[in-house]
Amino acid sequence: MTEPVKNYFGWIGTFLVLIGYYLNANQITLCWPVWIIGNFLVGIYSLQKEAYPTAVLSFTLVIMSIYGYFKWL
């Protein structure tokens, strides 16, 4: 994968996570899938950059977002 494509994963993931915060602040259930996708992309980006602690955090947040989604329903 080329470097610009790798960078898009990080930027798109970050944008989705920020949108997820906005949706959550407005109590919109769509925040959970947005967070799941965003954190997953940030996790992939972190692995590609060998930022393993950030990758672990991102994938942990994916799991927590899945849990939160089902708890909130």
C-alpha atoms as a PDB file:
ATOM      1  CA  MET A   1       0.000   0.000   0.000  1.00  0.00           C
ATOM      2  CA  THR A   2       1.366   3.416  -0.917  1.00  0.00           C
ATOM      3  CA  GLU A   3       2.159   6.044   1.704  1.00  0.00           C
ATOM      4  CA  PRO A   4      -0.644   8.470   0.665  1.00  0.00           C
ATOM      5  CA  VAL A   5      -3.212   5.661   0.978  1.00  0.00           C
ATOM      6  CA  LYS A   6      -1.895   4.792   4.440  1.00  0.00           C
ATOM      7  CA  ASN A   7      -2.240   8.419   5.491  1.00  0.00           C
ATOM      8  CA  TYR A   8      -5.853   8.499   4.309  1.00  0.00           C
ATOM      9  CA  PHE A   9      -6.645   5.687   6.752  1.00  0.00           C
ATOM     10  CA  GLY A  10      -5.411   7.835   9.618  1.00  0.00           C
ATOM     11  CA  TRP A  11      -7.173  11.023   8.503  1.00  0.00           C
ATOM     12  CA  ILE A  12     -10.486   9.367   7.625  1.00  0.00           C
ATOM     13  CA  GLY A  13     -10.419   7.387  10.883  1.00  0.00           C
ATOM     14  CA  THR A  14      -9.723  10.534  12.895  1.00  0.00           C
ATOM     15  CA  PHE A  15     -12.521  12.416  11.117  1.00  0.00           C
ATOM     16  CA  LEU A  16     -14.981   9.576  11.810  1.00  0.00           C
ATOM     17  CA  VAL A  17     -14.021   9.438  15.487  1.00  0.00           C
ATOM     18  CA  LEU A  18     -14.632  13.189  15.789  1.00  0.00           C
ATOM     19  CA  ILE A  19     -18.007  12.851  14.029  1.00  0.00           C
ATOM     20  CA  GLY A  20     -18.788  10.008  16.450  1.00  0.00           C
ATOM     21  CA  TYR A  21     -18.193  12.340  19.405  1.00  0.00           C
ATOM     22  CA  TYR A  22     -20.549  14.909  17.899  1.00  0.00           C
ATOM     23  CA  LEU A  23     -23.243  12.295  17.280  1.00  0.00           C
ATOM     24  CA  ASN A  24     -22.864  10.943  20.813  1.00  0.00           C
ATOM     25  CA  ALA A  25     -23.154  14.426  22.304  1.00  0.00           C
ATOM     26  CA  ASN A  26     -26.471  14.722  20.483  1.00  0.00           C
ATOM     27  CA  GLN A  27     -27.546  11.216  21.594  1.00  0.00           C
ATOM     28  CA  ILE A  28     -27.718   9.846  18.055  1.00  0.00           C
ATOM     29  CA  THR A  29     -27.325   6.064  17.964  1.00  0.00           C
ATOM     30  CA  LEU A  30     -25.354   6.233  14.714  1.00  0.00           C
ATOM     31  CA  CYS A  31     -22.364   7.358  16.795  1.00  0.00           C
ATOM     32  CA  TRP A  32     -21.512   3.743  17.656  1.00  0.00           C
ATOM     33  CA  PRO A  33     -21.023   2.376  14.114  1.00  0.00           C
ATOM     34  CA  VAL A  34     -19.172   5.569  13.180  1.00  0.00           C
ATOM     35  CA  TRP A  35     -16.833   5.080  16.159  1.00  0.00           C
ATOM     36  CA  ILE A  36     -16.341   1.401  15.298  1.00  0.00           C
ATOM     37  CA  ILE A  37     -15.286   2.189  11.726  1.00  0.00           C
ATOM     38  CA  GLY A  38     -13.202   5.219  12.745  1.00  0.00           C
ATOM     39  CA  ASN A  39     -11.298   3.434  15.485  1.00  0.00           C
ATOM     40  CA  PHE A  40     -10.750   0.425  13.251  1.00  0.00           C
ATOM     41  CA  LEU A  41      -9.185   2.653  10.573  1.00  0.00           C
ATOM     42  CA  VAL A  42      -7.009   4.409  13.161  1.00  0.00           C
ATOM     43  CA  GLY A  43      -5.951   0.979  14.447  1.00  0.00           C
ATOM     44  CA  ILE A  44      -4.948  -0.172  10.953  1.00  0.00           C
ATOM     45  CA  TYR A  45      -3.071   3.083  10.387  1.00  0.00           C
ATOM     46  CA  SER A  46      -1.289   2.712  13.738  1.00  0.00           C
ATOM     47  CA  LEU A  47      -0.191  -0.827  12.881  1.00  0.00           C
ATOM     48  CA  GLN A  48       1.193   0.370   9.562  1.00  0.00           C
ATOM     49  CA  LYS A  49       3.128   3.109  11.374  1.00  0.00           C
ATOM     50  CA  GLU A  50       4.273   0.583  14.015  1.00  0.00           C
ATOM     51  CA  ALA A  51       2.593   2.643  16.738  1.00  0.00           C
ATOM     52  CA  TYR A  52       1.545  -0.457  18.641  1.00  0.00           C
ATOM     53  CA  PRO A  53       0.244   1.182  21.846  1.00  0.00           C
ATOM     54  CA  THR A  54      -2.088   3.374  19.774  1.00  0.00           C
ATOM     55  CA  ALA A  55      -3.196   0.337  17.757  1.00  0.00           C
ATOM     56  CA  VAL A  56      -4.043  -1.553  20.953  1.00  0.00           C
ATOM     57  CA  LEU A  57      -5.997   1.445  22.222  1.00  0.00           C
ATOM     58  CA  SER A  58      -7.908   1.777  18.944  1.00  0.00           C
ATOM     59  CA  PHE A  59      -8.847  -1.898  18.736  1.00  0.00           C
ATOM     60  CA  THR A  60      -9.851  -1.869  22.413  1.00  0.00           C
ATOM     61  CA  LEU A  61     -12.111   1.090  21.648  1.00  0.00           C
ATOM     62  CA  VAL A  62     -13.635  -0.881  18.755  1.00  0.00           C
ATOM     63  CA  ILE A  63     -14.578  -3.653  21.195  1.00  0.00           C
ATOM     64  CA  MET A  64     -15.916  -1.145  23.719  1.00  0.00           C
ATOM     65  CA  SER A  65     -17.938   0.596  21.000  1.00  0.00           C
ATOM     66  CA  ILE A  66     -19.532  -2.694  19.958  1.00  0.00           C
ATOM     67  CA  TYR A  67     -20.439  -3.313  23.596  1.00  0.00           C
ATOM     68  CA  GLY A  68     -21.767   0.238  23.989  1.00  0.00           C
ATOM     69  CA  TYR A  69     -23.859  -0.053  20.841  1.00  0.00           C
ATOM     70  CA  PHE A  70     -25.660  -3.153  22.087  1.00  0.00           C
ATOM     71  CA  LYS A  71     -26.064  -1.708  25.611  1.00  0.00           C
ATOM     72  CA  TRP A  72     -27.561   1.483  24.211  1.00  0.00           C
ATOM     73  CA  LEU A  73     -30.146  -0.269  22.029  1.00  0.00           C
END
